[in-house]
Protein backbone atom coordinates (compact mmCIF):
# COMPACT_ATOMS: atom_id res chain seq x y z
CA MET A 1 0.04 -0.18 -0.03
CA GLY A 2 2.82 2.55 1.03
CA VAL A 3 1.85 6.20 0.96
CA PHE A 4 -1.34 5.68 -1.03
CA VAL A 5 -3.28 4.47 2.29
CA PHE A 6 -2.91 7.91 3.73
CA LEU A 7 -3.81 10.05 0.27
CA PRO A 8 -7.87 9.93 0.76
CA LEU A 9 -7.11 11.21 4.25
CA VAL A 10 -6.19 14.55 2.37
CA LEU A 11 -7.64 14.23 -1.25
CA PRO A 12 -10.96 16.19 0.31
CA LEU A 13 -8.89 19.39 -0.04
CA THR A 14 -9.11 19.38 -3.67
CA ALA A 15 -12.63 19.92 -3.52
CA TRP A 16 -12.78 23.25 -1.67
CA PRO A 17 -11.97 25.24 -4.89
CA VAL A 18 -15.19 23.49 -6.61
CA ALA A 19 -17.43 24.26 -2.78
CA ARG A 20 -16.89 27.98 -3.39
CA LEU A 21 -16.77 28.33 -7.42
CA ALA A 22 -19.97 25.88 -7.50
CA GLU A 23 -21.92 28.04 -5.53
CA GLN A 24 -21.44 31.23 -7.83
CA HIS A 25 -21.43 29.70 -11.07
CA LEU A 26 -23.07 26.60 -11.17
CA HIS A 27 -26.94 25.99 -10.88
CA PRO A 28 -28.30 25.35 -6.94
CA ARG A 29 -29.64 21.99 -7.78
CA THR A 30 -26.27 20.82 -10.06
CA ALA A 31 -24.23 22.10 -7.18
CA THR A 32 -25.87 20.38 -4.17
CA ARG A 33 -26.21 17.24 -5.97
CA LEU A 34 -22.28 16.99 -7.27
CA LEU A 35 -20.94 18.44 -3.64
CA THR A 36 -22.85 16.19 -1.77
CA ALA A 37 -21.92 13.09 -4.23
CA MET A 38 -18.37 14.13 -3.57
CA ALA A 39 -18.09 14.71 0.14
CA ALA A 40 -19.88 11.15 0.71
CA VAL A 41 -17.16 9.36 -1.38
CA LEU A 42 -14.34 11.30 0.14
CA ALA A 43 -15.68 10.66 3.41
CA LEU A 44 -15.96 6.97 2.95
CA CYS A 45 -12.25 7.06 1.33
CA SER A 46 -11.05 8.84 4.40
CA THR A 47 -12.71 6.44 6.81
CA VAL A 48 -11.84 3.16 5.30
CA CYS A 49 -7.89 3.92 5.11
CA LEU A 50 -8.42 4.88 8.80
CA GLY A 51 -9.73 1.66 9.71
CA LEU A 52 -6.94 -0.05 7.78
CA VAL A 53 -4.31 1.98 9.52
CA MET A 54 -6.33 1.32 12.51
CA VAL A 55 -5.97 -2.49 12.26
CA VAL A 56 -2.05 -2.56 11.90
CA GLY A 57 -1.98 -0.30 15.14
CA THR A 58 -4.63 -2.64 16.64
CA ALA A 59 -2.73 -5.95 16.00
CA GLN A 60 0.01 -4.55 18.20
CA LEU A 61 -1.49 -3.76 21.62
CA PRO A 62 -0.93 -6.46 24.06
CA GLY A 63 -4.35 -8.84 24.68
CA ASN A 64 -6.03 -7.72 21.22
CA PRO A 65 -8.17 -10.30 19.78
CA LEU A 66 -7.24 -10.27 16.34
CA PRO A 67 -4.77 -13.43 15.07
CA ASP A 68 -1.28 -13.16 16.28
CA GLY A 69 -0.14 -13.54 12.52
CA TRP A 70 -1.42 -9.46 11.89
CA SER A 71 1.22 -8.41 14.05
CA ASP A 72 4.00 -9.90 12.33
CA PRO A 73 6.53 -7.45 10.26
CA GLU A 74 4.80 -8.32 6.79
CA VAL A 75 2.21 -6.83 8.06
CA ARG A 76 3.03 -3.42 9.64
CA ALA A 77 5.87 -2.92 6.48
CA ALA A 78 2.43 -2.38 4.43
CA VAL A 79 2.06 0.92 6.15
CA PRO A 80 4.90 3.48 6.72
CA PHE A 81 5.37 4.56 10.14
CA ASP A 82 3.03 1.98 11.36
CA GLU A 83 4.46 2.28 14.82
CA VAL A 84 3.06 5.71 15.21
CA VAL A 85 0.31 6.25 12.62
CA GLY A 86 -1.30 3.04 13.36
CA LYS A 87 -1.68 4.07 17.29
CA ALA A 88 -2.95 7.20 16.02
CA ALA A 89 -5.79 5.81 13.73
CA ILE A 90 -7.73 3.84 16.94
CA PRO A 91 -8.27 7.26 18.51
CA ALA A 92 -9.31 9.03 14.94
CA LEU A 93 -11.20 6.36 14.03
CA CYS A 94 -13.28 6.63 17.66
CA ALA A 95 -13.57 9.89 17.44
CA VAL A 96 -15.37 9.33 14.11
CA VAL A 97 -17.40 6.95 14.87
CA VAL A 98 -18.95 8.72 17.91
CA ALA A 99 -19.22 11.89 15.89
CA CYS A 100 -21.50 10.45 13.26
CA ALA A 101 -23.29 8.62 15.97
CA ARG A 102 -24.08 11.77 17.75
CA THR A 103 -25.17 13.56 14.45
CA LEU A 104 -27.22 10.93 13.81
CA TRP A 105 -28.69 10.67 17.30
CA ARG A 106 -29.65 14.47 17.36
CA HIS A 107 -30.86 14.51 14.07
CA ALA A 108 -33.65 11.75 15.36
CA ARG A 109 -34.17 13.33 18.45
CA VAL A 110 -35.08 16.62 16.82
CA ARG A 111 -37.30 15.18 14.22
CA ARG A 112 -39.07 13.03 17.15
CA ARG A 113 -39.45 16.10 19.26
CA ALA A 114 -40.87 18.07 16.07
CA HIS A 115 -43.07 14.97 15.41
CA ARG A 116 -44.08 15.10 18.49
CA ALA A 117 -44.93 18.77 18.93
CA LEU A 118 -47.80 18.42 16.19
CA ALA A 119 -49.47 15.43 17.59
CA GLY A 120 -52.72 17.09 18.76
CA LEU A 121 -52.94 18.92 15.27
CA PRO A 122 -54.55 17.94 12.14
CA ASP A 123 -53.14 15.93 9.74
CA THR A 124 -52.27 18.75 6.63
CA GLU A 125 -49.67 19.34 4.81
CA VAL A 126 -49.02 22.75 6.50
CA ALA A 127 -49.07 22.78 9.99
CA VAL A 128 -49.46 25.88 12.39
CA LEU A 129 -48.05 26.46 15.35
CA PRO A 130 -49.88 28.85 17.88
CA ASP A 131 -46.04 29.88 18.78
CA GLY A 132 -44.95 33.61 19.79
CA ALA A 133 -41.66 32.94 18.13
CA PRO A 134 -41.85 32.97 14.21
CA TYR A 135 -39.90 30.02 12.57
CA ALA A 136 -40.73 27.81 9.73
CA TYR A 137 -39.06 24.37 8.51
CA ALA A 138 -39.83 21.71 6.51
CA LEU A 139 -40.10 18.57 8.55
CA PRO A 140 -39.94 15.26 6.24
CA GLY A 141 -41.66 12.05 6.86
CA GLY A 142 -44.75 11.48 9.15
CA ARG A 143 -47.42 12.52 7.25
CA ARG A 144 -49.93 10.16 5.35
CA GLY A 145 -51.74 12.93 2.96
CA GLY A 146 -52.76 16.14 3.96
CA ARG A 147 -55.90 18.32 3.39
CA ALA A 148 -55.79 21.81 2.54
CA LEU A 149 -56.18 24.43 5.47
CA ARG A 150 -59.71 25.17 6.02
CA GLY A 151 -59.98 28.61 7.29
CA GLY A 152 -57.13 31.08 8.86
CA ARG A 153 -55.46 33.66 7.42
CA PRO A 154 -56.04 35.02 3.78
CA GLY A 155 -53.58 33.34 1.84
CA ASP A 156 -52.94 30.64 3.83
CA THR A 157 -54.82 28.00 1.87
CA GLU A 158 -54.14 29.51 -2.08
CA PRO A 159 -50.63 27.21 -2.59
CA TYR A 160 -52.64 24.16 -1.64
CA GLY A 161 -55.82 24.45 -3.85
CA ARG A 162 -59.29 25.61 -2.75
CA ALA A 163 -60.41 24.48 0.92
CA GLY A 164 -61.51 21.34 1.56
CA ARG A 165 -59.73 19.66 -1.79
CA ARG A 166 -57.32 17.46 -0.65
CA VAL A 167 -53.85 17.42 -1.32
CA ARG A 168 -51.43 14.73 -1.07
CA GLY A 169 -47.51 15.05 -0.79
CA ARG A 170 -45.71 13.35 -3.36
CA ARG A 171 -42.88 12.12 -0.96
CA GLY A 172 -44.47 13.45 2.21
CA GLY A 173 -43.37 15.54 5.05
CA ARG A 174 -44.75 18.98 6.46
CA VAL A 175 -44.42 22.45 6.29
CA VAL A 176 -44.22 24.17 9.93
CA VAL A 177 -44.74 27.58 10.60
CA THR A 178 -45.91 29.55 13.62
CA THR A 179 -48.66 32.33 13.68
CA ALA A 180 -45.87 34.72 14.93
CA LEU A 181 -44.33 34.34 11.61
CA LEU A 182 -47.17 34.32 9.72
CA ASP A 183 -48.09 37.76 11.03
CA ARG A 184 -45.30 38.97 9.85
CA LEU A 185 -45.63 38.42 6.04
CA ARG A 186 -48.00 39.66 3.26
CA PRO A 187 -50.03 36.90 1.42
CA ALA A 188 -47.59 36.79 -1.63
CA GLU A 189 -45.10 36.29 0.68
CA ARG A 190 -46.87 33.36 2.49
CA ARG A 191 -47.17 32.11 -0.88
CA ALA A 192 -43.09 32.01 -1.68
CA LEU A 193 -42.71 30.22 2.15
CA PHE A 194 -45.06 27.55 1.85
CA ALA A 195 -43.30 27.02 -1.77
CA HIS A 196 -40.18 27.33 -0.55
CA GLU A 197 -40.97 24.51 1.95
CA ARG A 198 -42.96 21.71 -0.38
CA ALA A 199 -39.33 22.34 -2.53
CA HIS A 200 -37.46 21.14 0.46
CA LEU A 201 -39.73 18.40 1.03
CA ALA A 202 -40.08 17.44 -2.74
CA ALA A 203 -36.13 17.19 -3.23
CA ARG A 204 -35.71 15.74 0.20
CA HIS A 205 -32.86 18.08 0.56
CA ASP A 206 -32.85 16.52 4.67
CA ARG A 207 -30.98 13.71 3.27
CA PHE A 208 -28.30 16.37 0.89
CA LEU A 209 -27.97 17.91 4.66
CA LEU A 210 -27.34 15.13 6.67
CA THR A 211 -24.91 13.28 4.30
CA VAL A 212 -22.56 16.30 4.29
CA GLN A 213 -22.85 16.82 8.39
CA LEU A 214 -21.64 12.99 8.43
CA ALA A 215 -18.98 13.52 6.27
CA ALA A 216 -17.49 16.57 7.66
CA ARG A 217 -17.75 14.59 11.27
CA ALA A 218 -15.83 11.98 9.13
CA ASN A 219 -13.14 14.28 7.74
CA PRO A 220 -12.49 18.16 8.56
CA PHE A 221 -11.00 18.36 5.70
CA LEU A 222 -14.58 18.00 4.06
CA ARG A 223 -16.48 21.54 6.23
CA PRO A 224 -16.51 24.01 3.06
CA LEU A 225 -18.69 21.24 1.50
CA ARG A 226 -21.04 21.19 4.54
CA THR A 227 -21.27 24.67 4.02
CA ALA A 228 -21.92 24.90 1.00
CA VAL A 229 -24.58 22.48 0.32
CA ALA A 230 -26.16 23.72 2.96
CA TYR A 231 -26.36 27.26 0.91
CA THR A 232 -27.12 25.66 -2.35
CA ALA A 233 -30.03 23.75 -1.05
CA GLU A 234 -31.88 26.95 0.27
CA ARG A 235 -30.95 28.35 -3.25
CA TRP A 236 -32.65 25.30 -5.49
CA ALA A 237 -35.63 25.74 -3.03
CA ASP A 238 -35.55 29.50 -3.55
CA GLU A 239 -35.48 28.74 -7.63
CA GLU A 240 -37.88 26.32 -7.18
CA ALA A 241 -40.26 28.89 -5.16
CA ALA A 242 -39.73 31.39 -7.43
CA ARG A 243 -40.74 29.51 -10.46
CA ALA A 244 -43.69 27.85 -8.49
CA ILE A 245 -45.46 31.43 -7.76
CA GLY A 246 -43.74 33.34 -10.61
CA SER A 247 -42.18 36.18 -8.88
CA ARG A 248 -38.74 36.34 -7.90
CA ARG A 249 -38.51 39.57 -6.10
CA THR A 250 -41.50 38.26 -3.89
CA VAL A 251 -39.59 35.34 -2.91
CA ALA A 252 -36.62 37.75 -1.95
CA ARG A 253 -38.56 40.06 -0.50
CA ALA A 254 -39.94 36.89 2.15
CA ILE A 255 -36.57 35.71 2.67
CA GLY A 256 -35.65 38.71 3.65
CA THR A 257 -38.62 39.47 5.91
CA ALA A 258 -38.08 36.00 7.89
CA ALA A 259 -34.50 36.29 8.04
CA LEU A 260 -35.20 39.35 10.15
CA VAL A 261 -37.47 38.12 12.68
CA SER A 262 -36.78 34.40 12.41
CA ARG A 263 -34.55 32.06 14.78
CA GLY A 264 -33.84 30.02 12.21
CA THR A 265 -34.48 26.22 12.45
CA PRO A 266 -34.53 23.67 15.31
CA ALA A 267 -31.68 21.22 13.62
CA SER A 268 -28.90 21.89 10.68
CA THR A 269 -30.57 19.70 8.87
CA LEU A 270 -33.90 20.52 8.81
CA ALA A 271 -34.00 23.15 6.11
CA GLY A 272 -35.79 26.30 6.12
CA LEU A 273 -36.70 29.92 4.14
CA ALA A 274 -35.09 31.42 6.93
CA ALA A 275 -31.88 29.25 7.50
CA PRO A 276 -28.81 30.51 9.15
CA GLY A 277 -26.23 31.44 6.25
CA PRO A 278 -25.57 34.22 3.25
CA VAL A 279 -29.02 35.48 3.19
CA PRO A 280 -28.08 39.10 1.43
CA ARG A 281 -26.21 36.29 -1.69
CA ARG A 282 -29.73 34.59 -1.74
CA VAL A 283 -31.45 38.21 -1.98
CA ALA A 284 -29.11 39.13 -5.04
CA ALA A 285 -29.14 36.30 -6.56
CA LEU A 286 -33.25 35.65 -6.57
CA LEU A 287 -32.94 39.77 -7.69
CA GLY A 288 -30.73 38.77 -10.40
CA PRO A 289 -31.84 36.88 -13.77
CA PRO A 290 -32.37 32.61 -12.78
CA PRO A 291 -29.51 30.68 -12.96
CA ALA A 292 -28.54 28.67 -16.31
CA VAL A 293 -29.51 25.15 -15.96
CA ARG A 294 -25.94 22.88 -16.97
CA THR A 295 -25.48 19.42 -15.85
CA TRP A 296 -21.72 19.75 -15.96
CA PRO A 297 -19.70 22.93 -16.27
CA PRO A 298 -17.92 24.23 -19.29
CA VAL A 299 -14.34 22.43 -19.27
CA PHE A 300 -12.13 25.26 -19.91
CA THR A 301 -13.89 27.83 -17.18
CA SER A 302 -12.78 28.21 -13.44
CA VAL A 303 -15.27 26.44 -11.92
CA GLY A 304 -15.45 23.54 -14.73
CA LEU A 305 -11.49 23.01 -14.44
CA ALA A 306 -12.24 23.26 -10.56
CA ALA A 307 -14.80 20.55 -10.95
CA TRP A 308 -12.62 18.59 -12.67
CA GLY A 309 -9.75 18.59 -10.32
CA ALA A 310 -12.56 17.58 -7.19
CA ALA A 311 -13.64 15.10 -9.27
CA ALA A 312 -9.98 13.52 -10.30
CA GLY A 313 -9.56 13.84 -6.73
CA THR A 314 -12.44 12.15 -5.88
CA ALA A 315 -11.25 9.65 -8.04
CA VAL A 316 -8.19 8.79 -7.30
CA SER A 317 -9.28 9.05 -3.31
CA ALA A 318 -12.04 5.94 -4.20
CA MET A 319 -9.03 4.16 -6.04
CA SER A 320 -6.20 4.55 -3.67
CA SER A 321 -8.65 3.12 -0.95
CA ALA A 322 -9.74 0.38 -2.74
CA ASN A 323 -6.51 -0.09 -3.75
CA SER A 324 -5.21 -0.21 -0.02
CA ALA A 325 -8.29 -2.17 1.24
CA VAL A 326 -7.62 -4.99 -1.36
CA THR A 327 -3.99 -5.12 -0.43
CA MET A 328 -4.37 -5.06 3.33
CA VAL A 329 -6.82 -8.27 2.94
CA LEU A 330 -4.74 -10.29 0.87
CA ILE A 331 -1.26 -9.46 3.26
CA LEU A 332 -3.78 -10.39 6.02
CA ARG A 333 -5.18 -13.38 4.36
CA ALA A 334 -1.62 -14.47 3.84
CA ALA A 335 -0.63 -13.82 7.62
CA THR A 336 -3.25 -15.62 9.05
CA PRO A 337 -2.49 -19.25 9.98
CA LEU A 338 -4.80 -21.79 8.74
């Protein structure tokens, strides 16, 4: 394996240039999918390599349950500086596992609490909470198919059809909004709010956000991708909302108003109209022309070169981890007595 076993640990650095350039030059949908896929692959590869290095370090510890042959010099020779990096990988991998487990646990806990808070409300696509704190977010899952809101404020039911008409969410989930936030929005801005949150639910942005959260826990070098995806996912929903209601300016005004009064969302993996981040950039993007839809940026541009560089780094990382894994398995099989 040699030094190739360490490459996946540092190759996430190749994705840094594309993170910022993708925010600025790619369509938000393309940028979100591209950056999330890169983050997932790079995080998986770095974790695999940590595990391979940890095997070497663990096999040298007295009293370990591994076969004695795994601590032979032939096995240790497969990893440079095995005495140092092998033992250092043990706490590093444990930290990765604990951090990812905590992220999943906190995400599940927040979703359970959010669903319990809606237990007494009608099973509608939009759940209006009588809360004095202004906030709104998209809550995935837990809805069997809602109904249009009856009564309420003017403009509350307009995005969902006439009162009494049954509306089923294509992918489930509910839009959660408080009365305090609705009181601060005009009817057109409420429609923008609902369209924005429904876009989050339809595209399952919570999965993208959770994936990059876990990737950043697995490898700190992937934190810029986490920040970038949090922004592009909101921009994706902004563009879908503008297309749905036919006014980019109205969506921009709704975002600005919500950002001034809202406290955000209960978890970083639950998307919302006023999610933390560069709100002025989102508003400025909506006041400009809609972004061009491209599946992949042109090669001879700054974002194209960055995307190809990040893709090459991701491919090298995957090949290095696969090669290291296969090599280590063959070495361990040869060192294990029958």
